[in-house]
Amino acid sequence: MAVPGVADLHGGVLGEVATYLPGRRVSGVKLLEPGASVHVVLTWGAAVATTTAAVREVVRPLVPGPVHVVVEDVEPPGGAPR
């Protein structure tokens, strides 16, 4: 994802957060009626409010309705595996 502070998208504990597009599955994004829910993993030290607002601004032009940003996890310092 091209938003500073976002390490990855998060598909949920059981992979339940996803959108199906022709020929592929996008994990971490769920389209709603209306709007969307975007589930992210933040990098260590990222400001939560600033980063989630930046994600919302990137997604807002792509979907009608509200954009909900859910922080599912934070990547440990140094980018060590979760």
PDB file of N, CA and C in Angstrom:
ATOM      1  N   MET A   1       0.855  -1.168   0.000  1.00  0.00           N
ATOM      2  CA  MET A   1       0.000   0.000   0.000  1.00  0.00           C
ATOM      3  C   MET A   1       0.903   1.233   0.000  1.00  0.00           C
ATOM      4  N   ALA A   2       0.540   2.206  -0.745  1.00  0.00           N
ATOM      5  CA  ALA A   2       1.386   3.385  -0.925  1.00  0.00           C
ATOM      6  C   ALA A   2       1.086   4.481   0.102  1.00  0.00           C
ATOM      7  N   VAL A   3       0.840   4.103   1.346  1.00  0.00           N
ATOM      8  CA  VAL A   3       0.601   5.085   2.402  1.00  0.00           C
ATOM      9  C   VAL A   3       1.697   4.909   3.454  1.00  0.00           C
ATOM     10  N   PRO A   4       2.476   5.954   3.721  1.00  0.00           N
ATOM     11  CA  PRO A   4       3.515   5.842   4.747  1.00  0.00           C
ATOM     12  C   PRO A   4       2.916   5.420   6.085  1.00  0.00           C
ATOM     13  N   GLY A   5       3.560   4.478   6.738  1.00  0.00           N
ATOM     14  CA  GLY A   5       3.084   3.985   8.020  1.00  0.00           C
ATOM     15  C   GLY A   5       2.284   2.708   7.923  1.00  0.00           C
ATOM     16  N   VAL A   6       1.907   2.312   6.705  1.00  0.00           N
ATOM     17  CA  VAL A   6       1.169   1.066   6.516  1.00  0.00           C
ATOM     18  C   VAL A   6       2.143   0.002   6.020  1.00  0.00           C
ATOM     19  N   ALA A   7       2.276  -1.080   6.810  1.00  0.00           N
ATOM     20  CA  ALA A   7       3.179  -2.168   6.445  1.00  0.00           C
ATOM     21  C   ALA A   7       2.512  -3.148   5.486  1.00  0.00           C
ATOM     22  N   ASP A   8       1.193  -3.362   5.681  1.00  0.00           N
ATOM     23  CA  ASP A   8       0.495  -4.382   4.881  1.00  0.00           C
ATOM     24  C   ASP A   8      -1.006  -4.250   5.104  1.00  0.00           C
ATOM     25  N   LEU A   9      -1.753  -4.938   4.261  1.00  0.00           N
ATOM     26  CA  LEU A   9      -3.186  -5.115   4.486  1.00  0.00           C
ATOM     27  C   LEU A   9      -3.352  -6.375   5.336  1.00  0.00           C
ATOM     28  N   HIS A  10      -4.446  -6.470   6.084  1.00  0.00           N
ATOM     29  CA  HIS A  10      -4.669  -7.607   6.980  1.00  0.00           C
ATOM     30  C   HIS A  10      -6.006  -8.248   6.633  1.00  0.00           C
ATOM     31  N   GLY A  11      -5.989  -9.522   6.336  1.00  0.00           N
ATOM     32  CA  GLY A  11      -7.194 -10.226   5.922  1.00  0.00           C
ATOM     33  C   GLY A  11      -8.076 -10.733   7.041  1.00  0.00           C
ATOM     34  N   GLY A  12      -7.739 -10.416   8.280  1.00  0.00           N
ATOM     35  CA  GLY A  12      -8.520 -10.912   9.414  1.00  0.00           C
ATOM     36  C   GLY A  12      -7.956 -12.233   9.912  1.00  0.00           C
ATOM     37  N   VAL A  13      -8.396 -12.653  11.073  1.00  0.00           N
ATOM     38  CA  VAL A  13      -7.882 -13.868  11.705  1.00  0.00           C
ATOM     39  C   VAL A  13      -8.121 -15.101  10.838  1.00  0.00           C
ATOM     40  N   LEU A  14      -9.272 -15.175  10.222  1.00  0.00           N
ATOM     41  CA  LEU A  14      -9.616 -16.329   9.396  1.00  0.00           C
ATOM     42  C   LEU A  14      -9.677 -15.996   7.906  1.00  0.00           C
ATOM     43  N   GLY A  15      -9.136 -14.854   7.525  1.00  0.00           N
ATOM     44  CA  GLY A  15      -9.173 -14.461   6.123  1.00  0.00           C
ATOM     45  C   GLY A  15     -10.519 -13.941   5.667  1.00  0.00           C
ATOM     46  N   GLU A  16     -11.332 -13.531   6.625  1.00  0.00           N
ATOM     47  CA  GLU A  16     -12.704 -13.114   6.309  1.00  0.00           C
ATOM     48  C   GLU A  16     -12.820 -11.716   5.727  1.00  0.00           C
ATOM     49  N   VAL A  17     -11.764 -10.927   5.790  1.00  0.00           N
ATOM     50  CA  VAL A  17     -11.802  -9.567   5.247  1.00  0.00           C
ATOM     51  C   VAL A  17     -11.186  -9.597   3.853  1.00  0.00           C
ATOM     52  N   ALA A  18     -12.050  -9.595   2.843  1.00  0.00           N
ATOM     53  CA  ALA A  18     -11.554  -9.672   1.464  1.00  0.00           C
ATOM     54  C   ALA A  18     -12.627  -9.210   0.496  1.00  0.00           C
ATOM     55  N   THR A  19     -12.170  -8.822  -0.675  1.00  0.00           N
ATOM     56  CA  THR A  19     -13.052  -8.468  -1.777  1.00  0.00           C
ATOM     57  C   THR A  19     -12.658  -9.335  -2.962  1.00  0.00           C
ATOM     58  N   TYR A  20     -13.653  -9.834  -3.653  1.00  0.00           N
ATOM     59  CA  TYR A  20     -13.393 -10.673  -4.819  1.00  0.00           C
ATOM     60  C   TYR A  20     -13.577  -9.861  -6.087  1.00  0.00           C
ATOM     61  N   LEU A  21     -12.534  -9.819  -6.880  1.00  0.00           N
ATOM     62  CA  LEU A  21     -12.556  -9.148  -8.175  1.00  0.00           C
ATOM     63  C   LEU A  21     -12.395 -10.215  -9.243  1.00  0.00           C
ATOM     64  N   PRO A  22     -12.707  -9.906 -10.488  1.00  0.00           N
ATOM     65  CA  PRO A  22     -12.536 -10.908 -11.536  1.00  0.00           C
ATOM     66  C   PRO A  22     -11.107 -11.460 -11.556  1.00  0.00           C
ATOM     67  N   GLY A  23     -10.984 -12.735 -11.266  1.00  0.00           N
ATOM     68  CA  GLY A  23      -9.697 -13.410 -11.345  1.00  0.00           C
ATOM     69  C   GLY A  23      -8.789 -13.261 -10.139  1.00  0.00           C
ATOM     70  N   ARG A  24      -9.235 -12.542  -9.099  1.00  0.00           N
ATOM     71  CA  ARG A  24      -8.372 -12.405  -7.924  1.00  0.00           C
ATOM     72  C   ARG A  24      -9.155 -12.021  -6.676  1.00  0.00           C
ATOM     73  N   ARG A  25      -8.488 -12.221  -5.571  1.00  0.00           N
ATOM     74  CA  ARG A  25      -9.052 -11.905  -4.257  1.00  0.00           C
ATOM     75  C   ARG A  25      -8.158 -10.846  -3.617  1.00  0.00           C
ATOM     76  N   VAL A  26      -8.750  -9.750  -3.118  1.00  0.00           N
ATOM     77  CA  VAL A  26      -7.992  -8.685  -2.469  1.00  0.00           C
ATOM     78  C   VAL A  26      -8.210  -8.818  -0.965  1.00  0.00           C
ATOM     79  N   SER A  27      -7.190  -9.308  -0.286  1.00  0.00           N
ATOM     80  CA  SER A  27      -7.258  -9.511   1.157  1.00  0.00           C
ATOM     81  C   SER A  27      -7.047  -8.182   1.877  1.00  0.00           C
ATOM     82  N   GLY A  28      -7.868  -7.924   2.901  1.00  0.00           N
ATOM     83  CA  GLY A  28      -7.725  -6.710   3.704  1.00  0.00           C
ATOM     84  C   GLY A  28      -8.663  -5.588   3.331  1.00  0.00           C
ATOM     85  N   VAL A  29      -9.425  -5.766   2.252  1.00  0.00           N
ATOM     86  CA  VAL A  29     -10.391  -4.750   1.814  1.00  0.00           C
ATOM     87  C   VAL A  29     -11.742  -5.420   1.658  1.00  0.00           C
ATOM     88  N   LYS A  30     -12.747  -4.861   2.302  1.00  0.00           N
ATOM     89  CA  LYS A  30     -14.096  -5.411   2.197  1.00  0.00           C
ATOM     90  C   LYS A  30     -15.039  -4.305   1.748  1.00  0.00           C
ATOM     91  N   LEU A  31     -15.675  -4.506   0.598  1.00  0.00           N
ATOM     92  CA  LEU A  31     -16.644  -3.521   0.114  1.00  0.00           C
ATOM     93  C   LEU A  31     -17.943  -3.686   0.883  1.00  0.00           C
ATOM     94  N   LEU A  32     -18.516  -2.569   1.273  1.00  0.00           N
ATOM     95  CA  LEU A  32     -19.758  -2.550   2.035  1.00  0.00           C
ATOM     96  C   LEU A  32     -20.813  -1.826   1.226  1.00  0.00           C
ATOM     97  N   GLU A  33     -22.035  -1.836   1.723  1.00  0.00           N
ATOM     98  CA  GLU A  33     -23.126  -1.124   1.059  1.00  0.00           C
ATOM     99  C   GLU A  33     -23.620  -0.022   1.982  1.00  0.00           C
ATOM    100  N   PRO A  34     -23.222   1.178   1.922  1.00  0.00           N
ATOM    101  CA  PRO A  34     -22.207   1.755   1.040  1.00  0.00           C
ATOM    102  C   PRO A  34     -20.843   1.771   1.722  1.00  0.00           C
ATOM    103  N   GLY A  35     -19.825   2.068   0.975  1.00  0.00           N
ATOM    104  CA  GLY A  35     -18.488   2.279   1.513  1.00  0.00           C
ATOM    105  C   GLY A  35     -17.582   1.069   1.473  1.00  0.00           C
ATOM    106  N   ALA A  36     -16.559   1.122   2.330  1.00  0.00           N
ATOM    107  CA  ALA A  36     -15.568   0.048   2.375  1.00  0.00           C
ATOM    108  C   ALA A  36     -14.928   0.014   3.755  1.00  0.00           C
ATOM    109  N   SER A  37     -14.385  -1.152   4.080  1.00  0.00           N
ATOM    110  CA  SER A  37     -13.620  -1.346   5.295  1.00  0.00           C
ATOM    111  C   SER A  37     -12.224  -1.794   4.882  1.00  0.00           C
ATOM    112  N   VAL A  38     -11.202  -1.072   5.342  1.00  0.00           N
ATOM    113  CA  VAL A  38      -9.824  -1.379   4.990  1.00  0.00           C
ATOM    114  C   VAL A  38      -9.096  -1.751   6.281  1.00  0.00           C
ATOM    115  N   HIS A  39      -8.551  -2.968   6.321  1.00  0.00           N
ATOM    116  CA  HIS A  39      -7.873  -3.477   7.515  1.00  0.00           C
ATOM    117  C   HIS A  39      -6.374  -3.473   7.257  1.00  0.00           C
ATOM    118  N   VAL A  40      -5.631  -2.803   8.149  1.00  0.00           N
ATOM    119  CA  VAL A  40      -4.210  -2.582   7.910  1.00  0.00           C
ATOM    120  C   VAL A  40      -3.339  -3.042   9.072  1.00  0.00           C
ATOM    121  N   VAL A  41      -2.062  -3.244   8.744  1.00  0.00           N
ATOM    122  CA  VAL A  41      -1.002  -3.444   9.725  1.00  0.00           C
ATOM    123  C   VAL A  41      -0.126  -2.200   9.635  1.00  0.00           C
ATOM    124  N   LEU A  42       0.074  -1.532  10.768  1.00  0.00           N
ATOM    125  CA  LEU A  42       0.898  -0.322  10.770  1.00  0.00           C
ATOM    126  C   LEU A  42       2.354  -0.660  11.066  1.00  0.00           C
ATOM    127  N   THR A  43       3.247   0.211  10.619  1.00  0.00           N
ATOM    128  CA  THR A  43       4.654   0.076  10.977  1.00  0.00           C
ATOM    129  C   THR A  43       4.835   0.616  12.391  1.00  0.00           C
ATOM    130  N   TRP A  44       5.849   0.115  13.069  1.00  0.00           N
ATOM    131  CA  TRP A  44       6.148   0.562  14.426  1.00  0.00           C
ATOM    132  C   TRP A  44       6.394   2.068  14.423  1.00  0.00           C
ATOM    133  N   GLY A  45       5.758   2.780  15.328  1.00  0.00           N
ATOM    134  CA  GLY A  45       5.969   4.209  15.463  1.00  0.00           C
ATOM    135  C   GLY A  45       5.075   5.079  14.600  1.00  0.00           C
ATOM    136  N   ALA A  46       4.286   4.479  13.731  1.00  0.00           N
ATOM    137  CA  ALA A  46       3.380   5.264  12.881  1.00  0.00           C
ATOM    138  C   ALA A  46       2.283   5.886  13.747  1.00  0.00           C
ATOM    139  N   ALA A  47       1.967   7.131  13.493  1.00  0.00           N
ATOM    140  CA  ALA A  47       0.882   7.810  14.209  1.00  0.00           C
ATOM    141  C   ALA A  47      -0.450   7.250  13.709  1.00  0.00           C
ATOM    142  N   VAL A  48      -1.216   6.661  14.597  1.00  0.00           N
ATOM    143  CA  VAL A  48      -2.446   5.976  14.205  1.00  0.00           C
ATOM    144  C   VAL A  48      -3.429   6.921  13.519  1.00  0.00           C
ATOM    145  N   ALA A  49      -3.738   8.045  14.134  1.00  0.00           N
ATOM    146  CA  ALA A  49      -4.731   8.965  13.570  1.00  0.00           C
ATOM    147  C   ALA A  49      -4.294   9.513  12.214  1.00  0.00           C
ATOM    148  N   THR A  50      -3.028   9.884  12.096  1.00  0.00           N
ATOM    149  CA  THR A  50      -2.522  10.437  10.839  1.00  0.00           C
ATOM    150  C   THR A  50      -2.509   9.388   9.740  1.00  0.00           C
ATOM    151  N   THR A  51      -2.078   8.176  10.081  1.00  0.00           N
ATOM    152  CA  THR A  51      -1.975   7.111   9.079  1.00  0.00           C
ATOM    153  C   THR A  51      -3.351   6.640   8.616  1.00  0.00           C
ATOM    154  N   THR A  52      -4.273   6.462   9.553  1.00  0.00           N
ATOM    155  CA  THR A  52      -5.614   6.029   9.144  1.00  0.00           C
ATOM    156  C   THR A  52      -6.316   7.109   8.316  1.00  0.00           C
ATOM    157  N   ALA A  53      -6.084   8.372   8.631  1.00  0.00           N
ATOM    158  CA  ALA A  53      -6.650   9.458   7.821  1.00  0.00           C
ATOM    159  C   ALA A  53      -6.075   9.432   6.412  1.00  0.00           C
ATOM    160  N   ALA A  54      -4.786   9.132   6.285  1.00  0.00           N
ATOM    161  CA  ALA A  54      -4.149   9.054   4.959  1.00  0.00           C
ATOM    162  C   ALA A  54      -4.721   7.886   4.148  1.00  0.00           C
ATOM    163  N   VAL A  55      -4.947   6.750   4.802  1.00  0.00           N
ATOM    164  CA  VAL A  55      -5.561   5.599   4.109  1.00  0.00           C
ATOM    165  C   VAL A  55      -6.949   5.983   3.629  1.00  0.00           C
ATOM    166  N   ARG A  56      -7.712   6.619   4.501  1.00  0.00           N
ATOM    167  CA  ARG A  56      -9.079   7.033   4.159  1.00  0.00           C
ATOM    168  C   ARG A  56      -9.082   7.951   2.933  1.00  0.00           C
ATOM    169  N   GLU A  57      -8.150   8.888   2.873  1.00  0.00           N
ATOM    170  CA  GLU A  57      -8.076   9.823   1.748  1.00  0.00           C
ATOM    171  C   GLU A  57      -7.701   9.134   0.435  1.00  0.00           C
ATOM    172  N   VAL A  58      -6.873   8.096   0.511  1.00  0.00           N
ATOM    173  CA  VAL A  58      -6.497   7.350  -0.696  1.00  0.00           C
ATOM    174  C   VAL A  58      -7.674   6.533  -1.225  1.00  0.00           C
ATOM    175  N   VAL A  59      -8.449   5.951  -0.318  1.00  0.00           N
ATOM    176  CA  VAL A  59      -9.549   5.057  -0.715  1.00  0.00           C
ATOM    177  C   VAL A  59     -10.820   5.825  -1.063  1.00  0.00           C
ATOM    178  N   ARG A  60     -11.052   6.951  -0.416  1.00  0.00           N
ATOM    179  CA  ARG A  60     -12.309   7.702  -0.575  1.00  0.00           C
ATOM    180  C   ARG A  60     -12.721   7.956  -2.037  1.00  0.00           C
ATOM    181  N   PRO A  61     -11.820   8.346  -2.946  1.00  0.00           N
ATOM    182  CA  PRO A  61     -12.246   8.581  -4.328  1.00  0.00           C
ATOM    183  C   PRO A  61     -12.631   7.296  -5.079  1.00  0.00           C
ATOM    184  N   LEU A  62     -12.295   6.144  -4.522  1.00  0.00           N
ATOM    185  CA  LEU A  62     -12.523   4.877  -5.220  1.00  0.00           C
ATOM    186  C   LEU A  62     -13.846   4.210  -4.884  1.00  0.00           C
ATOM    187  N   VAL A  63     -14.440   4.574  -3.750  1.00  0.00           N
ATOM    188  CA  VAL A  63     -15.692   3.931  -3.334  1.00  0.00           C
ATOM    189  C   VAL A  63     -16.688   4.977  -2.848  1.00  0.00           C
ATOM    190  N   PRO A  64     -17.964   4.787  -3.178  1.00  0.00           N
ATOM    191  CA  PRO A  64     -18.971   5.704  -2.650  1.00  0.00           C
ATOM    192  C   PRO A  64     -19.262   5.358  -1.189  1.00  0.00           C
ATOM    193  N   GLY A  65     -19.466   6.364  -0.381  1.00  0.00           N
ATOM    194  CA  GLY A  65     -19.814   6.126   1.018  1.00  0.00           C
ATOM    195  C   GLY A  65     -18.614   6.199   1.946  1.00  0.00           C
ATOM    196  N   PRO A  66     -18.842   5.864   3.204  1.00  0.00           N
ATOM    197  CA  PRO A  66     -17.789   5.996   4.209  1.00  0.00           C
ATOM    198  C   PRO A  66     -16.681   4.951   4.039  1.00  0.00           C
ATOM    199  N   VAL A  67     -15.490   5.323   4.466  1.00  0.00           N
ATOM    200  CA  VAL A  67     -14.348   4.410   4.449  1.00  0.00           C
ATOM    201  C   VAL A  67     -13.934   4.182   5.898  1.00  0.00           C
ATOM    202  N   HIS A  68     -14.064   2.948   6.357  1.00  0.00           N
ATOM    203  CA  HIS A  68     -13.684   2.578   7.714  1.00  0.00           C
ATOM    204  C   HIS A  68     -12.293   1.965   7.666  1.00  0.00           C
ATOM    205  N   VAL A  69     -11.389   2.472   8.486  1.00  0.00           N
ATOM    206  CA  VAL A  69     -10.028   1.938   8.541  1.00  0.00           C
ATOM    207  C   VAL A  69      -9.854   1.258   9.896  1.00  0.00           C
ATOM    208  N   VAL A  70      -9.475  -0.017   9.857  1.00  0.00           N
ATOM    209  CA  VAL A  70      -9.295  -0.814  11.066  1.00  0.00           C
ATOM    210  C   VAL A  70      -7.821  -1.174  11.190  1.00  0.00           C
ATOM    211  N   VAL A  71      -7.214  -0.820  12.315  1.00  0.00           N
ATOM    212  CA  VAL A  71      -5.827  -1.205  12.579  1.00  0.00           C
ATOM    213  C   VAL A  71      -5.872  -2.570  13.251  1.00  0.00           C
ATOM    214  N   GLU A  72      -5.425  -3.591  12.531  1.00  0.00           N
ATOM    215  CA  GLU A  72      -5.467  -4.964  13.030  1.00  0.00           C
ATOM    216  C   GLU A  72      -4.217  -5.352  13.803  1.00  0.00           C
ATOM    217  N   ASP A  73      -3.077  -4.733  13.457  1.00  0.00           N
ATOM    218  CA  ASP A  73      -1.815  -5.134  14.075  1.00  0.00           C
ATOM    219  C   ASP A  73      -0.790  -4.027  13.862  1.00  0.00           C
ATOM    220  N   VAL A  74       0.319  -4.130  14.590  1.00  0.00           N
ATOM    221  CA  VAL A  74       1.448  -3.223  14.417  1.00  0.00           C
ATOM    222  C   VAL A  74       2.683  -4.085  14.207  1.00  0.00           C
ATOM    223  N   GLU A  75       3.412  -3.781  13.144  1.00  0.00           N
ATOM    224  CA  GLU A  75       4.642  -4.517  12.854  1.00  0.00           C
ATOM    225  C   GLU A  75       5.677  -4.182  13.930  1.00  0.00           C
ATOM    226  N   PRO A  76       6.332  -5.196  14.508  1.00  0.00           N
ATOM    227  CA  PRO A  76       7.323  -4.931  15.551  1.00  0.00           C
ATOM    228  C   PRO A  76       8.500  -4.101  15.036  1.00  0.00           C
ATOM    229  N   PRO A  77       9.247  -3.482  15.943  1.00  0.00           N
ATOM    230  CA  PRO A  77      10.414  -2.698  15.523  1.00  0.00           C
ATOM    231  C   PRO A  77      11.358  -3.546  14.678  1.00  0.00           C
ATOM    232  N   GLY A  78      11.913  -2.948  13.658  1.00  0.00           N
ATOM    233  CA  GLY A  78      12.835  -3.660  12.783  1.00  0.00           C
ATOM    234  C   GLY A  78      12.158  -4.530  11.747  1.00  0.00           C
ATOM    235  N   GLY A  79      10.842  -4.541  11.716  1.00  0.00           N
ATOM    236  CA  GLY A  79      10.121  -5.323  10.711  1.00  0.00           C
ATOM    237  C   GLY A  79      10.202  -6.814  10.922  1.00  0.00           C
ATOM    238  N   ALA A  80      10.452  -7.240  12.160  1.00  0.00           N
ATOM    239  CA  ALA A  80      10.530  -8.675  12.450  1.00  0.00           C
ATOM    240  C   ALA A  80       9.207  -9.342  12.147  1.00  0.00           C
ATOM    241  N   PRO A  81       9.220 -10.614  11.771  1.00  0.00           N
ATOM    242  CA  PRO A  81       7.969 -11.324  11.471  1.00  0.00           C
ATOM    243  C   PRO A  81       7.014 -11.286  12.655  1.00  0.00           C
ATOM    244  N   ARG A  82       5.713 -11.180  12.321  1.00  0.00           N
ATOM    245  CA  ARG A  82       4.682 -11.156  13.373  1.00  0.00           C
ATOM    246  C   ARG A  82       4.389 -12.540  13.853  1.00  0.00           C
TER     247      ARG A  82
END
